[in-house]
Amino acid sequence: MESVPGRIVGRIVNEVARETGRDPVALPPLYEIVDPDALSVVVETLDNGTVAFRYAECEVALQSGEGIDVRPVDQSGDERTGASEHLE
């Protein structure tokens, strides 16, 4: 059985890969950007709010009750329209 941090990490990596058109194994390890265990605890206890960070040229936002929002960031640092996935 996969751990909760593993599921969140996998979903983030897969969403970023899908949005950027890259193979998930070609992306940098997410743990170099954020602690997966800490991220899992925050997401599980988040009642109202958003946790956001940059990963692999994308802005990743985990929103309470909403899901994972991934938006590519262009060379200037501006966000572009991206994909979303609901958190369960």
PDB file of N, CA and C in Angstrom:
ATOM      1  N   MET A   1       0.846  -1.189   0.000  1.00  0.00           N
ATOM      2  CA  MET A   1       0.000   0.000   0.000  1.00  0.00           C
ATOM      3  C   MET A   1       0.884   1.243   0.000  1.00  0.00           C
ATOM      4  N   GLU A   2       0.552   2.192  -0.846  1.00  0.00           N
ATOM      5  CA  GLU A   2       1.343   3.416  -0.962  1.00  0.00           C
ATOM      6  C   GLU A   2       1.002   4.370   0.176  1.00  0.00           C
ATOM      7  N   SER A   3       2.009   5.046   0.722  1.00  0.00           N
ATOM      8  CA  SER A   3       1.793   5.984   1.815  1.00  0.00           C
ATOM      9  C   SER A   3       1.090   7.235   1.308  1.00  0.00           C
ATOM     10  N   VAL A   4       0.478   7.980   2.238  1.00  0.00           N
ATOM     11  CA  VAL A   4      -0.191   9.231   1.872  1.00  0.00           C
ATOM     12  C   VAL A   4       0.806  10.203   1.245  1.00  0.00           C
ATOM     13  N   PRO A   5       2.004  10.419   1.853  1.00  0.00           N
ATOM     14  CA  PRO A   5       2.958  11.302   1.184  1.00  0.00           C
ATOM     15  C   PRO A   5       3.306  10.821  -0.221  1.00  0.00           C
ATOM     16  N   GLY A   6       3.429   9.506  -0.396  1.00  0.00           N
ATOM     17  CA  GLY A   6       3.744   8.954  -1.709  1.00  0.00           C
ATOM     18  C   GLY A   6       2.660   9.231  -2.725  1.00  0.00           C
ATOM     19  N   ARG A   7       1.407   9.155  -2.299  1.00  0.00           N
ATOM     20  CA  ARG A   7       0.288   9.436  -3.209  1.00  0.00           C
ATOM     21  C   ARG A   7       0.294  10.906  -3.618  1.00  0.00           C
ATOM     22  N   ILE A   8       0.496  11.799  -2.666  1.00  0.00           N
ATOM     23  CA  ILE A   8       0.501  13.231  -2.977  1.00  0.00           C
ATOM     24  C   ILE A   8       1.663  13.551  -3.903  1.00  0.00           C
ATOM     25  N   VAL A   9       2.838  13.034  -3.587  1.00  0.00           N
ATOM     26  CA  VAL A   9       4.019  13.270  -4.425  1.00  0.00           C
ATOM     27  C   VAL A   9       3.774  12.744  -5.830  1.00  0.00           C
ATOM     28  N   GLY A  10       3.249  11.532  -5.937  1.00  0.00           N
ATOM     29  CA  GLY A  10       2.969  10.953  -7.248  1.00  0.00           C
ATOM     30  C   GLY A  10       1.990  11.782  -8.048  1.00  0.00           C
ATOM     31  N   ARG A  11       0.942  12.262  -7.397  1.00  0.00           N
ATOM     32  CA  ARG A  11      -0.050  13.079  -8.088  1.00  0.00           C
ATOM     33  C   ARG A  11       0.547  14.400  -8.552  1.00  0.00           C
ATOM     34  N   ILE A  12       1.361  15.021  -7.706  1.00  0.00           N
ATOM     35  CA  ILE A  12       1.995  16.289  -8.099  1.00  0.00           C
ATOM     36  C   ILE A  12       2.922  16.059  -9.283  1.00  0.00           C
ATOM     37  N   VAL A  13       3.777  15.065  -9.176  1.00  0.00           N
ATOM     38  CA  VAL A  13       4.730  14.784 -10.257  1.00  0.00           C
ATOM     39  C   VAL A  13       3.987  14.460 -11.553  1.00  0.00           C
ATOM     40  N   ASN A  14       2.935  13.653 -11.476  1.00  0.00           N
ATOM     41  CA  ASN A  14       2.179  13.300 -12.678  1.00  0.00           C
ATOM     42  C   ASN A  14       1.478  14.508 -13.288  1.00  0.00           C
ATOM     43  N   GLU A  15       0.921  15.387 -12.462  1.00  0.00           N
ATOM     44  CA  GLU A  15       0.273  16.595 -12.975  1.00  0.00           C
ATOM     45  C   GLU A  15       1.289  17.520 -13.655  1.00  0.00           C
ATOM     46  N   VAL A  16       2.451  17.701 -13.028  1.00  0.00           N
ATOM     47  CA  VAL A  16       3.490  18.554 -13.621  1.00  0.00           C
ATOM     48  C   VAL A  16       3.990  17.934 -14.927  1.00  0.00           C
ATOM     49  N   ALA A  17       4.186  16.631 -14.938  1.00  0.00           N
ATOM     50  CA  ALA A  17       4.633  15.953 -16.160  1.00  0.00           C
ATOM     51  C   ALA A  17       3.609  16.123 -17.271  1.00  0.00           C
ATOM     52  N   ARG A  18       2.351  15.942 -16.937  1.00  0.00           N
ATOM     53  CA  ARG A  18       1.291  16.089 -17.943  1.00  0.00           C
ATOM     54  C   ARG A  18       1.241  17.519 -18.471  1.00  0.00           C
ATOM     55  N   GLU A  19       1.336  18.485 -17.578  1.00  0.00           N
ATOM     56  CA  GLU A  19       1.244  19.893 -17.975  1.00  0.00           C
ATOM     57  C   GLU A  19       2.442  20.333 -18.812  1.00  0.00           C
ATOM     58  N   THR A  20       3.614  19.788 -18.511  1.00  0.00           N
ATOM     59  CA  THR A  20       4.826  20.206 -19.229  1.00  0.00           C
ATOM     60  C   THR A  20       5.176  19.297 -20.399  1.00  0.00           C
ATOM     61  N   GLY A  21       4.460  18.172 -20.532  1.00  0.00           N
ATOM     62  CA  GLY A  21       4.745  17.240 -21.616  1.00  0.00           C
ATOM     63  C   GLY A  21       6.031  16.460 -21.415  1.00  0.00           C
ATOM     64  N   ARG A  22       6.462  16.356 -20.154  1.00  0.00           N
ATOM     65  CA  ARG A  22       7.693  15.628 -19.848  1.00  0.00           C
ATOM     66  C   ARG A  22       7.370  14.291 -19.202  1.00  0.00           C
ATOM     67  N   ASP A  23       8.305  13.381 -19.285  1.00  0.00           N
ATOM     68  CA  ASP A  23       8.182  12.087 -18.619  1.00  0.00           C
ATOM     69  C   ASP A  23       8.368  12.323 -17.110  1.00  0.00           C
ATOM     70  N   PRO A  24       7.506  11.745 -16.265  1.00  0.00           N
ATOM     71  CA  PRO A  24       7.646  11.951 -14.819  1.00  0.00           C
ATOM     72  C   PRO A  24       9.035  11.607 -14.282  1.00  0.00           C
ATOM     73  N   VAL A  25       9.687  10.583 -14.825  1.00  0.00           N
ATOM     74  CA  VAL A  25      11.014  10.211 -14.317  1.00  0.00           C
ATOM     75  C   VAL A  25      12.088  11.206 -14.750  1.00  0.00           C
ATOM     76  N   ALA A  26      11.765  12.070 -15.716  1.00  0.00           N
ATOM     77  CA  ALA A  26      12.733  13.076 -16.159  1.00  0.00           C
ATOM     78  C   ALA A  26      12.670  14.346 -15.298  1.00  0.00           C
ATOM     79  N   LEU A  27      11.655  14.456 -14.457  1.00  0.00           N
ATOM     80  CA  LEU A  27      11.526  15.623 -13.582  1.00  0.00           C
ATOM     81  C   LEU A  27      12.478  15.498 -12.396  1.00  0.00           C
ATOM     82  N   PRO A  28      12.894  16.623 -11.832  1.00  0.00           N
ATOM     83  CA  PRO A  28      13.751  16.547 -10.640  1.00  0.00           C
ATOM     84  C   PRO A  28      12.964  15.948  -9.472  1.00  0.00           C
ATOM     85  N   PRO A  29      13.642  15.326  -8.533  1.00  0.00           N
ATOM     86  CA  PRO A  29      12.942  14.762  -7.370  1.00  0.00           C
ATOM     87  C   PRO A  29      12.207  15.864  -6.598  1.00  0.00           C
ATOM     88  N   LEU A  30      10.940  15.636  -6.318  1.00  0.00           N
ATOM     89  CA  LEU A  30      10.145  16.630  -5.599  1.00  0.00           C
ATOM     90  C   LEU A  30      10.709  16.894  -4.206  1.00  0.00           C
ATOM     91  N   TYR A  31      11.306  15.874  -3.591  1.00  0.00           N
ATOM     92  CA  TYR A  31      11.842  16.049  -2.237  1.00  0.00           C
ATOM     93  C   TYR A  31      12.981  17.062  -2.177  1.00  0.00           C
ATOM     94  N   GLU A  32      13.540  17.433  -3.322  1.00  0.00           N
ATOM     95  CA  GLU A  32      14.557  18.490  -3.339  1.00  0.00           C
ATOM     96  C   GLU A  32      13.925  19.871  -3.192  1.00  0.00           C
ATOM     97  N   ILE A  33      12.624  19.966  -3.395  1.00  0.00           N
ATOM     98  CA  ILE A  33      11.899  21.230  -3.320  1.00  0.00           C
ATOM     99  C   ILE A  33      11.106  21.341  -2.023  1.00  0.00           C
ATOM    100  N   VAL A  34      10.452  20.247  -1.646  1.00  0.00           N
ATOM    101  CA  VAL A  34       9.567  20.264  -0.478  1.00  0.00           C
ATOM    102  C   VAL A  34       9.626  18.905   0.214  1.00  0.00           C
ATOM    103  N   ASP A  35       9.497  18.903   1.528  1.00  0.00           N
ATOM    104  CA  ASP A  35       9.491  17.663   2.307  1.00  0.00           C
ATOM    105  C   ASP A  35       8.137  16.968   2.112  1.00  0.00           C
ATOM    106  N   PRO A  36       8.115  15.780   1.494  1.00  0.00           N
ATOM    107  CA  PRO A  36       6.843  15.104   1.222  1.00  0.00           C
ATOM    108  C   PRO A  36       6.032  14.787   2.475  1.00  0.00           C
ATOM    109  N   ASP A  37       6.695  14.399   3.565  1.00  0.00           N
ATOM    110  CA  ASP A  37       5.966  14.099   4.799  1.00  0.00           C
ATOM    111  C   ASP A  37       5.313  15.352   5.367  1.00  0.00           C
ATOM    112  N   ALA A  38       6.052  16.447   5.398  1.00  0.00           N
ATOM    113  CA  ALA A  38       5.501  17.714   5.899  1.00  0.00           C
ATOM    114  C   ALA A  38       4.366  18.192   5.000  1.00  0.00           C
ATOM    115  N   LEU A  39       4.541  18.074   3.701  1.00  0.00           N
ATOM    116  CA  LEU A  39       3.505  18.484   2.758  1.00  0.00           C
ATOM    117  C   LEU A  39       2.232  17.681   2.995  1.00  0.00           C
ATOM    118  N   SER A  40       2.374  16.387   3.213  1.00  0.00           N
ATOM    119  CA  SER A  40       1.224  15.527   3.467  1.00  0.00           C
ATOM    120  C   SER A  40       0.479  15.960   4.720  1.00  0.00           C
ATOM    121  N   VAL A  41       1.211  16.242   5.790  1.00  0.00           N
ATOM    122  CA  VAL A  41       0.589  16.675   7.043  1.00  0.00           C
ATOM    123  C   VAL A  41      -0.161  17.983   6.831  1.00  0.00           C
ATOM    124  N   VAL A  42       0.458  18.919   6.149  1.00  0.00           N
ATOM    125  CA  VAL A  42      -0.177  20.217   5.909  1.00  0.00           C
ATOM    126  C   VAL A  42      -1.454  20.033   5.083  1.00  0.00           C
ATOM    127  N   VAL A  43      -1.374  19.252   4.012  1.00  0.00           N
ATOM    128  CA  VAL A  43      -2.539  19.049   3.143  1.00  0.00           C
ATOM    129  C   VAL A  43      -3.668  18.357   3.899  1.00  0.00           C
ATOM    130  N   GLU A  44      -3.336  17.368   4.723  1.00  0.00           N
ATOM    131  CA  GLU A  44      -4.354  16.634   5.467  1.00  0.00           C
ATOM    132  C   GLU A  44      -5.037  17.489   6.526  1.00  0.00           C
ATOM    133  N   THR A  45      -4.346  18.484   7.050  1.00  0.00           N
ATOM    134  CA  THR A  45      -4.906  19.306   8.121  1.00  0.00           C
ATOM    135  C   THR A  45      -5.344  20.690   7.639  1.00  0.00           C
ATOM    136  N   LEU A  46      -5.197  20.965   6.376  1.00  0.00           N
ATOM    137  CA  LEU A  46      -5.552  22.271   5.824  1.00  0.00           C
ATOM    138  C   LEU A  46      -7.073  22.402   5.740  1.00  0.00           C
ATOM    139  N   ASP A  47      -7.633  23.322   6.538  1.00  0.00           N
ATOM    140  CA  ASP A  47      -9.080  23.521   6.533  1.00  0.00           C
ATOM    141  C   ASP A  47      -9.497  24.542   5.483  1.00  0.00           C
ATOM    142  N   ASN A  48      -8.710  25.590   5.360  1.00  0.00           N
ATOM    143  CA  ASN A  48      -9.062  26.651   4.432  1.00  0.00           C
ATOM    144  C   ASN A  48      -7.781  27.370   4.040  1.00  0.00           C
ATOM    145  N   GLY A  49      -7.361  27.194   2.813  1.00  0.00           N
ATOM    146  CA  GLY A  49      -6.146  27.857   2.380  1.00  0.00           C
ATOM    147  C   GLY A  49      -5.470  27.125   1.246  1.00  0.00           C
ATOM    148  N   THR A  50      -4.268  27.580   0.955  1.00  0.00           N
ATOM    149  CA  THR A  50      -3.503  27.047  -0.160  1.00  0.00           C
ATOM    150  C   THR A  50      -2.042  26.919   0.234  1.00  0.00           C
ATOM    151  N   VAL A  51      -1.421  25.835  -0.205  1.00  0.00           N
ATOM    152  CA  VAL A  51       0.021  25.654  -0.089  1.00  0.00           C
ATOM    153  C   VAL A  51       0.549  25.709  -1.513  1.00  0.00           C
ATOM    154  N   ALA A  52       1.492  26.616  -1.776  1.00  0.00           N
ATOM    155  CA  ALA A  52       1.998  26.770  -3.143  1.00  0.00           C
ATOM    156  C   ALA A  52       3.522  26.777  -3.150  1.00  0.00           C
ATOM    157  N   PHE A  53       4.081  26.246  -4.236  1.00  0.00           N
ATOM    158  CA  PHE A  53       5.524  26.235  -4.415  1.00  0.00           C
ATOM    159  C   PHE A  53       5.822  26.066  -5.892  1.00  0.00           C
ATOM    160  N   ARG A  54       7.059  26.379  -6.283  1.00  0.00           N
ATOM    161  CA  ARG A  54       7.493  26.186  -7.667  1.00  0.00           C
ATOM    162  C   ARG A  54       8.245  24.873  -7.786  1.00  0.00           C
ATOM    163  N   TYR A  55       7.948  24.175  -8.889  1.00  0.00           N
ATOM    164  CA  TYR A  55       8.585  22.886  -9.139  1.00  0.00           C
ATOM    165  C   TYR A  55       8.617  22.656 -10.637  1.00  0.00           C
ATOM    166  N   ALA A  56       9.784  22.395 -11.166  1.00  0.00           N
ATOM    167  CA  ALA A  56       9.965  22.037 -12.581  1.00  0.00           C
ATOM    168  C   ALA A  56       9.283  23.026 -13.520  1.00  0.00           C
ATOM    169  N   GLU A  57       9.601  24.300 -13.349  1.00  0.00           N
ATOM    170  CA  GLU A  57       9.057  25.387 -14.176  1.00  0.00           C
ATOM    171  C   GLU A  57       7.544  25.503 -14.075  1.00  0.00           C
ATOM    172  N   CYS A  58       6.975  25.098 -12.933  1.00  0.00           N
ATOM    173  CA  CYS A  58       5.539  25.219 -12.711  1.00  0.00           C
ATOM    174  C   CYS A  58       5.274  25.786 -11.323  1.00  0.00           C
ATOM    175  N   GLU A  59       4.151  26.472 -11.199  1.00  0.00           N
ATOM    176  CA  GLU A  59       3.635  26.880  -9.903  1.00  0.00           C
ATOM    177  C   GLU A  59       2.618  25.813  -9.513  1.00  0.00           C
ATOM    178  N   VAL A  60       2.856  25.151  -8.390  1.00  0.00           N
ATOM    179  CA  VAL A  60       1.977  24.093  -7.903  1.00  0.00           C
ATOM    180  C   VAL A  60       1.243  24.636  -6.690  1.00  0.00           C
ATOM    181  N   ALA A  61      -0.081  24.518  -6.692  1.00  0.00           N
ATOM    182  CA  ALA A  61      -0.888  24.964  -5.556  1.00  0.00           C
ATOM    183  C   ALA A  61      -1.787  23.828  -5.112  1.00  0.00           C
ATOM    184  N   LEU A  62      -1.737  23.522  -3.830  1.00  0.00           N
ATOM    185  CA  LEU A  62      -2.615  22.514  -3.214  1.00  0.00           C
ATOM    186  C   LEU A  62      -3.641  23.297  -2.404  1.00  0.00           C
ATOM    187  N   GLN A  63      -4.887  23.197  -2.794  1.00  0.00           N
ATOM    188  CA  GLN A  63      -5.938  23.997  -2.186  1.00  0.00           C
ATOM    189  C   GLN A  63      -6.868  23.115  -1.364  1.00  0.00           C
ATOM    190  N   SER A  64      -7.187  23.569  -0.165  1.00  0.00           N
ATOM    191  CA  SER A  64      -8.066  22.777   0.699  1.00  0.00           C
ATOM    192  C   SER A  64      -9.395  22.536   0.003  1.00  0.00           C
ATOM    193  N   GLY A  65      -9.761  21.267  -0.107  1.00  0.00           N
ATOM    194  CA  GLY A  65     -11.015  20.891  -0.704  1.00  0.00           C
ATOM    195  C   GLY A  65     -11.106  21.096  -2.205  1.00  0.00           C
ATOM    196  N   GLU A  66     -10.101  21.640  -2.821  1.00  0.00           N
ATOM    197  CA  GLU A  66     -10.154  21.952  -4.250  1.00  0.00           C
ATOM    198  C   GLU A  66      -9.293  21.027  -5.091  1.00  0.00           C
ATOM    199  N   GLY A  67      -8.062  20.812  -4.700  1.00  0.00           N
ATOM    200  CA  GLY A  67      -7.204  19.928  -5.460  1.00  0.00           C
ATOM    201  C   GLY A  67      -5.843  20.499  -5.749  1.00  0.00           C
ATOM    202  N   ILE A  68      -5.233  19.932  -6.764  1.00  0.00           N
ATOM    203  CA  ILE A  68      -3.895  20.335  -7.186  1.00  0.00           C
ATOM    204  C   ILE A  68      -4.045  21.196  -8.434  1.00  0.00           C
ATOM    205  N   ASP A  69      -3.474  22.369  -8.387  1.00  0.00           N
ATOM    206  CA  ASP A  69      -3.508  23.289  -9.531  1.00  0.00           C
ATOM    207  C   ASP A  69      -2.064  23.462 -10.008  1.00  0.00           C
ATOM    208  N   VAL A  70      -1.803  23.161 -11.268  1.00  0.00           N
ATOM    209  CA  VAL A  70      -0.458  23.266 -11.835  1.00  0.00           C
ATOM    210  C   VAL A  70      -0.493  24.255 -12.985  1.00  0.00           C
ATOM    211  N   ARG A  71       0.356  25.263 -12.901  1.00  0.00           N
ATOM    212  CA  ARG A  71       0.438  26.276 -13.947  1.00  0.00           C
ATOM    213  C   ARG A  71       1.902  26.467 -14.337  1.00  0.00           C
ATOM    214  N   PRO A  72       2.200  26.256 -15.610  1.00  0.00           N
ATOM    215  CA  PRO A  72       3.571  26.495 -16.067  1.00  0.00           C
ATOM    216  C   PRO A  72       3.953  27.963 -15.855  1.00  0.00           C
ATOM    217  N   VAL A  73       5.219  28.184 -15.585  1.00  0.00           N
ATOM    218  CA  VAL A  73       5.746  29.535 -15.424  1.00  0.00           C
ATOM    219  C   VAL A  73       6.663  29.789 -16.611  1.00  0.00           C
ATOM    220  N   ASP A  74       6.426  30.889 -17.330  1.00  0.00           N
ATOM    221  CA  ASP A  74       7.270  31.167 -18.496  1.00  0.00           C
ATOM    222  C   ASP A  74       8.609  31.763 -18.061  1.00  0.00           C
ATOM    223  N   GLN A  75       9.460  32.054 -19.003  1.00  0.00           N
ATOM    224  CA  GLN A  75      10.818  32.551 -18.724  1.00  0.00           C
ATOM    225  C   GLN A  75      10.813  33.815 -17.874  1.00  0.00           C
ATOM    226  N   SER A  76       9.778  34.642 -17.981  1.00  0.00           N
ATOM    227  CA  SER A  76       9.719  35.889 -17.214  1.00  0.00           C
ATOM    228  C   SER A  76       9.237  35.657 -15.786  1.00  0.00           C
ATOM    229  N   GLY A  77       8.790  34.424 -15.494  1.00  0.00           N
ATOM    230  CA  GLY A  77       8.290  34.114 -14.159  1.00  0.00           C
ATOM    231  C   GLY A  77       6.787  34.257 -14.052  1.00  0.00           C
ATOM    232  N   ASP A  78       6.121  34.616 -15.162  1.00  0.00           N
ATOM    233  CA  ASP A  78       4.672  34.755 -15.161  1.00  0.00           C
ATOM    234  C   ASP A  78       4.013  33.390 -15.309  1.00  0.00           C
ATOM    235  N   GLU A  79       2.890  33.201 -14.620  1.00  0.00           N
ATOM    236  CA  GLU A  79       2.143  31.952 -14.735  1.00  0.00           C
ATOM    237  C   GLU A  79       1.320  31.958 -16.016  1.00  0.00           C
ATOM    238  N   ARG A  80       1.136  30.764 -16.580  1.00  0.00           N
ATOM    239  CA  ARG A  80       0.254  30.580 -17.729  1.00  0.00           C
ATOM    240  C   ARG A  80      -0.894  29.681 -17.295  1.00  0.00           C
ATOM    241  N   THR A  81      -1.928  29.586 -18.084  1.00  0.00           N
ATOM    242  CA  THR A  81      -3.058  28.714 -17.782  1.00  0.00           C
ATOM    243  C   THR A  81      -2.573  27.282 -17.674  1.00  0.00           C
ATOM    244  N   GLY A  82      -3.097  26.557 -16.695  1.00  0.00           N
ATOM    245  CA  GLY A  82      -2.626  25.186 -16.484  1.00  0.00           C
ATOM    246  C   GLY A  82      -3.741  24.235 -16.146  1.00  0.00           C
ATOM    247  N   ALA A  83      -3.357  23.112 -15.539  1.00  0.00           N
ATOM    248  CA  ALA A  83      -4.289  22.016 -15.240  1.00  0.00           C
ATOM    249  C   ALA A  83      -4.600  21.960 -13.749  1.00  0.00           C
ATOM    250  N   SER A  84      -5.730  21.351 -13.442  1.00  0.00           N
ATOM    251  CA  SER A  84      -6.130  21.149 -12.065  1.00  0.00           C
ATOM    252  C   SER A  84      -6.581  19.712 -11.869  1.00  0.00           C
ATOM    253  N   GLU A  85      -6.395  19.221 -10.640  1.00  0.00           N
ATOM    254  CA  GLU A  85      -6.881  17.900 -10.275  1.00  0.00           C
ATOM    255  C   GLU A  85      -7.458  18.010  -8.874  1.00  0.00           C
ATOM    256  N   HIS A  86      -8.589  17.381  -8.642  1.00  0.00           N
ATOM    257  CA  HIS A  86      -9.246  17.461  -7.338  1.00  0.00           C
ATOM    258  C   HIS A  86      -8.537  16.580  -6.313  1.00  0.00           C
ATOM    259  N   LEU A  87      -8.325  17.113  -5.107  1.00  0.00           N
ATOM    260  CA  LEU A  87      -7.746  16.328  -4.004  1.00  0.00           C
ATOM    261  C   LEU A  87      -8.848  15.498  -3.372  1.00  0.00           C
ATOM    262  N   GLU A  88      -8.547  14.242  -3.067  1.00  0.00           N
ATOM    263  CA  GLU A  88      -9.515  13.376  -2.383  1.00  0.00           C
ATOM    264  C   GLU A  88      -8.904  12.832  -1.133  1.00  0.00           C
TER     265      GLU A  88
END
